[in-house]
PDB file of all heavy atoms in Angstrom:
ATOM      1  N   ALA A   1       0.821  -1.241  -0.057  1.00  0.00           N
ATOM      2  CA  ALA A   1      -0.067  -0.040  -0.032  1.00  0.00           C
ATOM      3  C   ALA A   1       0.968   1.323  -0.033  1.00  0.00           C
ATOM      4  O   ALA A   1       0.469   2.237  -0.654  1.00  0.00           O
ATOM      5  CB  ALA A   1      -0.899  -0.012   1.121  1.00  0.00           C
ATOM      6  N   LYS A   2       1.909   1.165   0.774  1.00  0.00           N
ATOM      7  CA  LYS A   2       2.936   2.278   0.855  1.00  0.00           C
ATOM      8  C   LYS A   2       3.561   2.656  -0.478  1.00  0.00           C
ATOM      9  O   LYS A   2       3.761   3.676  -1.046  1.00  0.00           O
ATOM     10  CB  LYS A   2       3.930   2.219   1.809  1.00  0.00           C
ATOM     11  CG  LYS A   2       3.420   2.360   3.239  1.00  0.00           C
ATOM     12  CD  LYS A   2       4.502   2.125   4.288  1.00  0.00           C
ATOM     13  CE  LYS A   2       4.039   2.403   5.722  1.00  0.00           C
ATOM     14  NZ  LYS A   2       5.073   2.230   6.719  1.00  0.00           N
ATOM     15  N   GLN A   3       3.897   1.407  -1.245  1.00  0.00           N
ATOM     16  CA  GLN A   3       4.477   1.478  -2.486  1.00  0.00           C
ATOM     17  C   GLN A   3       3.527   2.153  -3.558  1.00  0.00           C
ATOM     18  O   GLN A   3       3.660   2.981  -4.406  1.00  0.00           O
ATOM     19  CB  GLN A   3       4.837   0.156  -3.127  1.00  0.00           C
ATOM     20  CG  GLN A   3       6.152  -0.401  -2.363  1.00  0.00           C
ATOM     21  CD  GLN A   3       6.293  -1.727  -2.898  1.00  0.00           C
ATOM     22  OE1 GLN A   3       5.532  -2.682  -3.039  1.00  0.00           O
ATOM     23  NE2 GLN A   3       7.686  -2.105  -3.144  1.00  0.00           N
ATOM     24  N   HIS A   4       2.256   1.756  -3.393  1.00  0.00           N
ATOM     25  CA  HIS A   4       1.197   2.300  -4.267  1.00  0.00           C
ATOM     26  C   HIS A   4       0.959   3.756  -4.073  1.00  0.00           C
ATOM     27  O   HIS A   4       0.904   4.631  -5.013  1.00  0.00           O
ATOM     28  CB  HIS A   4      -0.176   1.613  -3.981  1.00  0.00           C
ATOM     29  CG  HIS A   4      -1.315   2.197  -4.887  1.00  0.00           C
ATOM     30  ND1 HIS A   4      -1.341   2.026  -6.322  1.00  0.00           N
ATOM     31  CD2 HIS A   4      -2.318   2.877  -4.466  1.00  0.00           C
ATOM     32  CE1 HIS A   4      -2.344   2.571  -6.706  1.00  0.00           C
ATOM     33  NE2 HIS A   4      -3.018   3.083  -5.562  1.00  0.00           N
ATOM     34  N   LYS A   5       0.968   4.154  -2.797  1.00  0.00           N
ATOM     35  CA  LYS A   5       0.898   5.614  -2.430  1.00  0.00           C
ATOM     36  C   LYS A   5       2.028   6.524  -2.999  1.00  0.00           C
ATOM     37  O   LYS A   5       1.854   7.558  -3.543  1.00  0.00           O
ATOM     38  CB  LYS A   5       0.960   5.748  -0.874  1.00  0.00           C
ATOM     39  CG  LYS A   5       0.653   7.185  -0.415  1.00  0.00           C
ATOM     40  CD  LYS A   5       0.773   7.295   1.112  1.00  0.00           C
ATOM     41  CE  LYS A   5       0.768   8.733   1.521  1.00  0.00           C
ATOM     42  NZ  LYS A   5       1.001   8.927   2.946  1.00  0.00           N
ATOM     43  N   ILE A   6       3.375   5.976  -2.890  1.00  0.00           N
ATOM     44  CA  ILE A   6       4.469   6.551  -3.496  1.00  0.00           C
ATOM     45  C   ILE A   6       4.248   6.826  -4.960  1.00  0.00           C
ATOM     46  O   ILE A   6       4.469   7.790  -5.539  1.00  0.00           O
ATOM     47  CB  ILE A   6       5.787   5.847  -3.144  1.00  0.00           C
ATOM     48  CG1 ILE A   6       6.039   6.010  -1.645  1.00  0.00           C
ATOM     49  CG2 ILE A   6       6.831   6.357  -4.022  1.00  0.00           C
ATOM     50  CD1 ILE A   6       7.124   5.197  -1.163  1.00  0.00           C
ATOM     51  N   LEU A   7       3.857   5.672  -5.674  1.00  0.00           N
ATOM     52  CA  LEU A   7       3.673   5.799  -7.192  1.00  0.00           C
ATOM     53  C   LEU A   7       2.474   6.869  -7.469  1.00  0.00           C
ATOM     54  O   LEU A   7       2.682   7.636  -8.461  1.00  0.00           O
ATOM     55  CB  LEU A   7       3.241   4.521  -7.744  1.00  0.00           C
ATOM     56  CG  LEU A   7       4.356   3.420  -7.841  1.00  0.00           C
ATOM     57  CD1 LEU A   7       3.858   2.070  -8.154  1.00  0.00           C
ATOM     58  CD2 LEU A   7       5.511   3.898  -8.658  1.00  0.00           C
ATOM     59  N   VAL A   8       1.468   6.862  -6.673  1.00  0.00           N
ATOM     60  CA  VAL A   8       0.425   7.913  -6.929  1.00  0.00           C
ATOM     61  C   VAL A   8       0.890   9.346  -6.787  1.00  0.00           C
ATOM     62  O   VAL A   8       0.665  10.202  -7.532  1.00  0.00           O
ATOM     63  CB  VAL A   8      -0.801   7.623  -5.959  1.00  0.00           C
ATOM     64  CG1 VAL A   8      -1.781   8.773  -6.162  1.00  0.00           C
ATOM     65  CG2 VAL A   8      -1.559   6.315  -6.489  1.00  0.00           C
ATOM     66  N   GLU A   9       1.666   9.531  -5.654  1.00  0.00           N
ATOM     67  CA  GLU A   9       2.313  10.726  -5.376  1.00  0.00           C
ATOM     68  C   GLU A   9       3.220  11.289  -6.508  1.00  0.00           C
ATOM     69  O   GLU A   9       3.210  12.359  -6.917  1.00  0.00           O
ATOM     70  CB  GLU A   9       2.987  10.912  -4.007  1.00  0.00           C
ATOM     71  CG  GLU A   9       2.075  10.773  -2.847  1.00  0.00           C
ATOM     72  CD  GLU A   9       2.632  10.614  -1.485  1.00  0.00           C
ATOM     73  OE1 GLU A   9       3.934  10.397  -1.564  1.00  0.00           O
ATOM     74  OE2 GLU A   9       1.913  10.667  -0.507  1.00  0.00           O
ATOM     75  N   LEU A  10       4.054  10.364  -6.974  1.00  0.00           N
ATOM     76  CA  LEU A  10       4.880  10.579  -8.050  1.00  0.00           C
ATOM     77  C   LEU A  10       4.229  11.041  -9.310  1.00  0.00           C
ATOM     78  O   LEU A  10       4.605  12.042  -9.981  1.00  0.00           O
ATOM     79  CB  LEU A  10       5.778   9.410  -8.341  1.00  0.00           C
ATOM     80  CG  LEU A  10       6.789   9.619  -9.579  1.00  0.00           C
ATOM     81  CD1 LEU A  10       7.826  10.519  -9.263  1.00  0.00           C
ATOM     82  CD2 LEU A  10       7.410   8.126  -9.831  1.00  0.00           C
ATOM     83  N   LYS A  11       3.251  10.235  -9.713  1.00  0.00           N
ATOM     84  CA  LYS A  11       2.455  10.725 -10.826  1.00  0.00           C
ATOM     85  C   LYS A  11       1.719  12.023 -10.676  1.00  0.00           C
ATOM     86  O   LYS A  11       1.744  12.845 -11.668  1.00  0.00           O
ATOM     87  CB  LYS A  11       1.311   9.503 -11.098  1.00  0.00           C
ATOM     88  CG  LYS A  11       1.924   8.368 -11.675  1.00  0.00           C
ATOM     89  CD  LYS A  11       0.746   7.267 -12.062  1.00  0.00           C
ATOM     90  CE  LYS A  11       1.413   6.069 -12.515  1.00  0.00           C
ATOM     91  NZ  LYS A  11       0.325   5.047 -12.836  1.00  0.00           N
ATOM     92  N   GLN A  12       1.317  12.295  -9.464  1.00  0.00           N
ATOM     93  CA  GLN A  12       0.643  13.738  -9.237  1.00  0.00           C
ATOM     94  C   GLN A  12       1.723  14.826  -9.422  1.00  0.00           C
ATOM     95  O   GLN A  12       1.410  15.831  -9.989  1.00  0.00           O
ATOM     96  CB  GLN A  12       0.119  13.753  -7.897  1.00  0.00           C
ATOM     97  CG  GLN A  12      -1.177  12.975  -7.664  1.00  0.00           C
ATOM     98  CD  GLN A  12      -1.639  12.848  -6.234  1.00  0.00           C
ATOM     99  OE1 GLN A  12      -0.919  13.206  -5.289  1.00  0.00           O
ATOM    100  NE2 GLN A  12      -2.986  12.624  -6.153  1.00  0.00           N
ATOM    101  N   GLU A  13       2.887  14.586  -8.707  1.00  0.00           N
ATOM    102  CA  GLU A  13       4.048  15.524  -8.907  1.00  0.00           C
ATOM    103  C   GLU A  13       4.418  15.720 -10.348  1.00  0.00           C
ATOM    104  O   GLU A  13       4.759  16.894 -10.830  1.00  0.00           O
ATOM    105  CB  GLU A  13       5.072  15.124  -8.078  1.00  0.00           C
ATOM    106  CG  GLU A  13       5.016  15.391  -6.568  1.00  0.00           C
ATOM    107  CD  GLU A  13       5.089  16.833  -6.082  1.00  0.00           C
ATOM    108  OE1 GLU A  13       5.841  17.546  -6.810  1.00  0.00           O
ATOM    109  OE2 GLU A  13       4.563  17.055  -5.165  1.00  0.00           O
ATOM    110  N   GLN A  14       4.531  14.665 -11.165  1.00  0.00           N
ATOM    111  CA  GLN A  14       4.888  14.819 -12.519  1.00  0.00           C
ATOM    112  C   GLN A  14       3.885  15.515 -13.371  1.00  0.00           C
ATOM    113  O   GLN A  14       4.232  16.238 -14.280  1.00  0.00           O
ATOM    114  CB  GLN A  14       5.129  13.335 -13.117  1.00  0.00           C
ATOM    115  CG  GLN A  14       6.460  12.714 -12.577  1.00  0.00           C
ATOM    116  CD  GLN A  14       6.556  11.197 -13.130  1.00  0.00           C
ATOM    117  OE1 GLN A  14       5.599  10.584 -13.394  1.00  0.00           O
ATOM    118  NE2 GLN A  14       7.857  10.709 -13.301  1.00  0.00           N
ATOM    119  N   ALA A  15       2.631  15.330 -12.992  1.00  0.00           N
ATOM    120  CA  ALA A  15       1.577  15.900 -13.670  1.00  0.00           C
ATOM    121  C   ALA A  15       1.687  17.413 -13.404  1.00  0.00           C
ATOM    122  O   ALA A  15       1.403  18.331 -14.306  1.00  0.00           O
ATOM    123  CB  ALA A  15       0.244  15.438 -13.270  1.00  0.00           C
ATOM    124  N   GLU A  16       2.107  17.879 -12.136  1.00  0.00           N
ATOM    125  CA  GLU A  16       2.010  19.154 -11.743  1.00  0.00           C
ATOM    126  C   GLU A  16       3.273  19.881 -12.555  1.00  0.00           C
ATOM    127  O   GLU A  16       3.125  20.914 -12.967  1.00  0.00           O
ATOM    128  CB  GLU A  16       2.334  19.320 -10.186  1.00  0.00           C
ATOM    129  CG  GLU A  16       2.500  20.790  -9.723  1.00  0.00           C
ATOM    130  CD  GLU A  16       2.753  21.019  -8.404  1.00  0.00           C
ATOM    131  OE1 GLU A  16       2.540  20.064  -7.514  1.00  0.00           O
ATOM    132  OE2 GLU A  16       3.420  21.961  -7.972  1.00  0.00           O
ATOM    133  N   ILE A  17       4.349  19.154 -12.750  1.00  0.00           N
ATOM    134  CA  ILE A  17       5.488  19.711 -13.376  1.00  0.00           C
ATOM    135  C   ILE A  17       5.167  19.866 -14.841  1.00  0.00           C
ATOM    136  O   ILE A  17       5.484  20.905 -15.546  1.00  0.00           O
ATOM    137  CB  ILE A  17       6.764  18.618 -13.202  1.00  0.00           C
ATOM    138  CG1 ILE A  17       7.322  18.890 -11.703  1.00  0.00           C
ATOM    139  CG2 ILE A  17       7.837  19.101 -14.219  1.00  0.00           C
ATOM    140  CD1 ILE A  17       8.242  17.694 -11.343  1.00  0.00           C
ATOM    141  N   GLN A  18       4.445  18.784 -15.443  1.00  0.00           N
ATOM    142  CA  GLN A  18       4.066  18.985 -16.873  1.00  0.00           C
ATOM    143  C   GLN A  18       3.079  20.195 -16.988  1.00  0.00           C
ATOM    144  O   GLN A  18       3.299  20.930 -18.004  1.00  0.00           O
ATOM    145  CB  GLN A  18       3.279  17.706 -17.128  1.00  0.00           C
ATOM    146  CG  GLN A  18       3.021  17.663 -18.706  1.00  0.00           C
ATOM    147  CD  GLN A  18       4.254  17.732 -19.588  1.00  0.00           C
ATOM    148  OE1 GLN A  18       5.298  16.991 -19.319  1.00  0.00           O
ATOM    149  NE2 GLN A  18       4.255  18.485 -20.506  1.00  0.00           N
ATOM    150  N   HIS A  19       2.271  20.347 -16.123  1.00  0.00           N
ATOM    151  CA  HIS A  19       1.332  21.531 -16.150  1.00  0.00           C
ATOM    152  C   HIS A  19       2.226  22.810 -16.233  1.00  0.00           C
ATOM    153  O   HIS A  19       1.854  23.792 -16.929  1.00  0.00           O
ATOM    154  CB  HIS A  19       0.415  21.562 -15.027  1.00  0.00           C
ATOM    155  CG  HIS A  19      -0.564  22.677 -14.856  1.00  0.00           C
ATOM    156  ND1 HIS A  19      -1.498  22.941 -15.877  1.00  0.00           N
ATOM    157  CD2 HIS A  19      -0.678  23.784 -14.095  1.00  0.00           C
ATOM    158  CE1 HIS A  19      -2.232  23.989 -15.490  1.00  0.00           C
ATOM    159  NE2 HIS A  19      -1.657  24.558 -14.423  1.00  0.00           N
ATOM    160  N   LEU A  20       3.097  22.927 -15.277  1.00  0.00           N
ATOM    161  CA  LEU A  20       3.998  24.181 -15.194  1.00  0.00           C
ATOM    162  C   LEU A  20       4.859  24.356 -16.532  1.00  0.00           C
ATOM    163  O   LEU A  20       4.827  25.410 -17.141  1.00  0.00           O
ATOM    164  CB  LEU A  20       4.891  24.068 -13.943  1.00  0.00           C
ATOM    165  CG  LEU A  20       4.298  24.255 -12.612  1.00  0.00           C
ATOM    166  CD1 LEU A  20       5.377  23.984 -11.552  1.00  0.00           C
ATOM    167  CD2 LEU A  20       3.649  25.601 -12.399  1.00  0.00           C
ATOM    168  N   GLN A  21       5.353  23.288 -17.053  1.00  0.00           N
ATOM    169  CA  GLN A  21       5.987  23.332 -18.297  1.00  0.00           C
ATOM    170  C   GLN A  21       5.133  23.831 -19.370  1.00  0.00           C
ATOM    171  O   GLN A  21       5.485  24.544 -20.240  1.00  0.00           O
ATOM    172  CB  GLN A  21       6.573  21.970 -18.660  1.00  0.00           C
ATOM    173  CG  GLN A  21       7.825  21.628 -17.844  1.00  0.00           C
ATOM    174  CD  GLN A  21       8.289  20.197 -18.085  1.00  0.00           C
ATOM    175  OE1 GLN A  21       7.630  19.300 -18.380  1.00  0.00           O
ATOM    176  NE2 GLN A  21       9.656  20.073 -17.971  1.00  0.00           N
ATOM    177  N   ASN A  22       3.834  23.322 -19.409  1.00  0.00           N
ATOM    178  CA  ASN A  22       2.935  23.930 -20.494  1.00  0.00           C
ATOM    179  C   ASN A  22       2.657  25.364 -20.298  1.00  0.00           C
ATOM    180  O   ASN A  22       2.633  26.054 -21.334  1.00  0.00           O
ATOM    181  CB  ASN A  22       1.617  23.080 -20.417  1.00  0.00           C
ATOM    182  CG  ASN A  22       1.716  21.513 -20.828  1.00  0.00           C
ATOM    183  OD1 ASN A  22       2.719  21.219 -21.439  1.00  0.00           O
ATOM    184  ND2 ASN A  22       0.940  20.782 -20.265  1.00  0.00           N
ATOM    185  N   ILE A  23       2.511  25.834 -19.067  1.00  0.00           N
ATOM    186  CA  ILE A  23       2.257  27.223 -18.821  1.00  0.00           C
ATOM    187  C   ILE A  23       3.543  28.034 -19.282  1.00  0.00           C
ATOM    188  O   ILE A  23       3.273  29.081 -20.015  1.00  0.00           O
ATOM    189  CB  ILE A  23       2.084  27.502 -17.351  1.00  0.00           C
ATOM    190  CG1 ILE A  23       0.798  26.918 -16.876  1.00  0.00           C
ATOM    191  CG2 ILE A  23       2.112  29.050 -16.925  1.00  0.00           C
ATOM    192  CD1 ILE A  23       0.445  26.913 -15.343  1.00  0.00           C
ATOM    193  N   TYR A  24       4.625  27.567 -19.002  1.00  0.00           N
ATOM    194  CA  TYR A  24       5.802  28.341 -19.466  1.00  0.00           C
ATOM    195  C   TYR A  24       5.983  28.342 -20.939  1.00  0.00           C
ATOM    196  O   TYR A  24       6.426  29.256 -21.479  1.00  0.00           O
ATOM    197  CB  TYR A  24       7.141  27.791 -18.824  1.00  0.00           C
ATOM    198  CG  TYR A  24       7.218  27.952 -17.268  1.00  0.00           C
ATOM    199  CD1 TYR A  24       7.534  26.920 -16.463  1.00  0.00           C
ATOM    200  CD2 TYR A  24       6.735  29.130 -16.715  1.00  0.00           C
ATOM    201  CE1 TYR A  24       7.516  27.065 -15.110  1.00  0.00           C
ATOM    202  CE2 TYR A  24       6.623  29.337 -15.301  1.00  0.00           C
ATOM    203  CZ  TYR A  24       7.077  28.216 -14.434  1.00  0.00           C
ATOM    204  OH  TYR A  24       7.143  28.501 -13.248  1.00  0.00           O
ATOM    205  N   ARG A  25       5.709  27.227 -21.548  1.00  0.00           N
ATOM    206  CA  ARG A  25       5.728  27.131 -23.001  1.00  0.00           C
ATOM    207  C   ARG A  25       4.750  28.046 -23.636  1.00  0.00           C
ATOM    208  O   ARG A  25       4.953  28.825 -24.594  1.00  0.00           O
ATOM    209  CB  ARG A  25       5.427  25.568 -23.558  1.00  0.00           C
ATOM    210  CG  ARG A  25       5.676  25.416 -24.823  1.00  0.00           C
ATOM    211  CD  ARG A  25       5.525  23.933 -25.275  1.00  0.00           C
ATOM    212  NE  ARG A  25       6.291  23.055 -24.393  1.00  0.00           N
ATOM    213  CZ  ARG A  25       5.900  22.066 -23.675  1.00  0.00           C
ATOM    214  NH1 ARG A  25       4.665  21.883 -23.367  1.00  0.00           N
ATOM    215  NH2 ARG A  25       6.729  21.355 -22.925  1.00  0.00           N
ATOM    216  N   ALA A  26       3.507  28.122 -22.934  1.00  0.00           N
ATOM    217  CA  ALA A  26       2.487  29.046 -23.580  1.00  0.00           C
ATOM    218  C   ALA A  26       2.963  30.496 -23.407  1.00  0.00           C
ATOM    219  O   ALA A  26       2.710  31.387 -24.293  1.00  0.00           O
ATOM    220  CB  ALA A  26       1.158  28.821 -22.906  1.00  0.00           C
ATOM    221  N   ALA A  27       3.575  30.859 -22.216  1.00  0.00           N
ATOM    222  CA  ALA A  27       4.051  32.167 -22.062  1.00  0.00           C
ATOM    223  C   ALA A  27       5.126  32.625 -23.014  1.00  0.00           C
ATOM    224  O   ALA A  27       5.215  33.708 -23.417  1.00  0.00           O
ATOM    225  CB  ALA A  27       4.627  32.292 -20.554  1.00  0.00           C
ATOM    226  N   ARG A  28       5.943  31.711 -23.401  1.00  0.00           N
ATOM    227  CA  ARG A  28       7.065  31.858 -24.210  1.00  0.00           C
ATOM    228  C   ARG A  28       6.439  32.192 -25.682  1.00  0.00           C
ATOM    229  O   ARG A  28       6.882  33.093 -26.353  1.00  0.00           O
ATOM    230  CB  ARG A  28       7.829  30.601 -24.365  1.00  0.00           C
ATOM    231  CG  ARG A  28       9.029  30.803 -25.326  1.00  0.00           C
ATOM    232  CD  ARG A  28      10.162  29.747 -25.219  1.00  0.00           C
ATOM    233  NE  ARG A  28      11.310  30.098 -25.973  1.00  0.00           N
ATOM    234  CZ  ARG A  28      11.883  29.386 -26.953  1.00  0.00           C
ATOM    235  NH1 ARG A  28      11.345  28.251 -27.182  1.00  0.00           N
ATOM    236  NH2 ARG A  28      12.987  29.775 -27.516  1.00  0.00           N
ATOM    237  N   GLN A  29       5.413  31.538 -25.980  1.00  0.00           N
ATOM    238  CA  GLN A  29       4.778  31.712 -27.358  1.00  0.00           C
ATOM    239  C   GLN A  29       4.199  33.070 -27.320  1.00  0.00           C
ATOM    240  O   GLN A  29       4.205  33.903 -28.337  1.00  0.00           O
ATOM    241  CB  GLN A  29       3.806  30.641 -27.628  1.00  0.00           C
ATOM    242  CG  GLN A  29       4.304  29.297 -28.053  1.00  0.00           C
ATOM    243  CD  GLN A  29       5.198  29.307 -29.186  1.00  0.00           C
ATOM    244  OE1 GLN A  29       5.034  30.006 -30.102  1.00  0.00           O
ATOM    245  NE2 GLN A  29       6.281  28.623 -28.975  1.00  0.00           N
ATOM    246  N   GLU A  30       3.650  33.532 -26.128  1.00  0.00           N
ATOM    247  CA  GLU A  30       2.956  34.908 -26.120  1.00  0.00           C
ATOM    248  C   GLU A  30       3.992  35.896 -26.208  1.00  0.00           C
ATOM    249  O   GLU A  30       3.848  36.975 -26.822  1.00  0.00           O
ATOM    250  CB  GLU A  30       2.150  34.992 -24.736  1.00  0.00           C
ATOM    251  CG  GLU A  30       0.958  34.156 -24.757  1.00  0.00           C
ATOM    252  CD  GLU A  30       0.210  34.367 -23.394  1.00  0.00           C
ATOM    253  OE1 GLU A  30       0.400  35.258 -22.693  1.00  0.00           O
ATOM    254  OE2 GLU A  30      -0.684  33.310 -23.130  1.00  0.00           O
TER     255      GLU A  30
END
């Protein structure tokens, strides 16, 4: 269960990073 929790948290963090990268990419285009 702890292993599963770590994987879920990792995916959430990676999604947040991807979201920030998308924001920065859009700002660069602007």
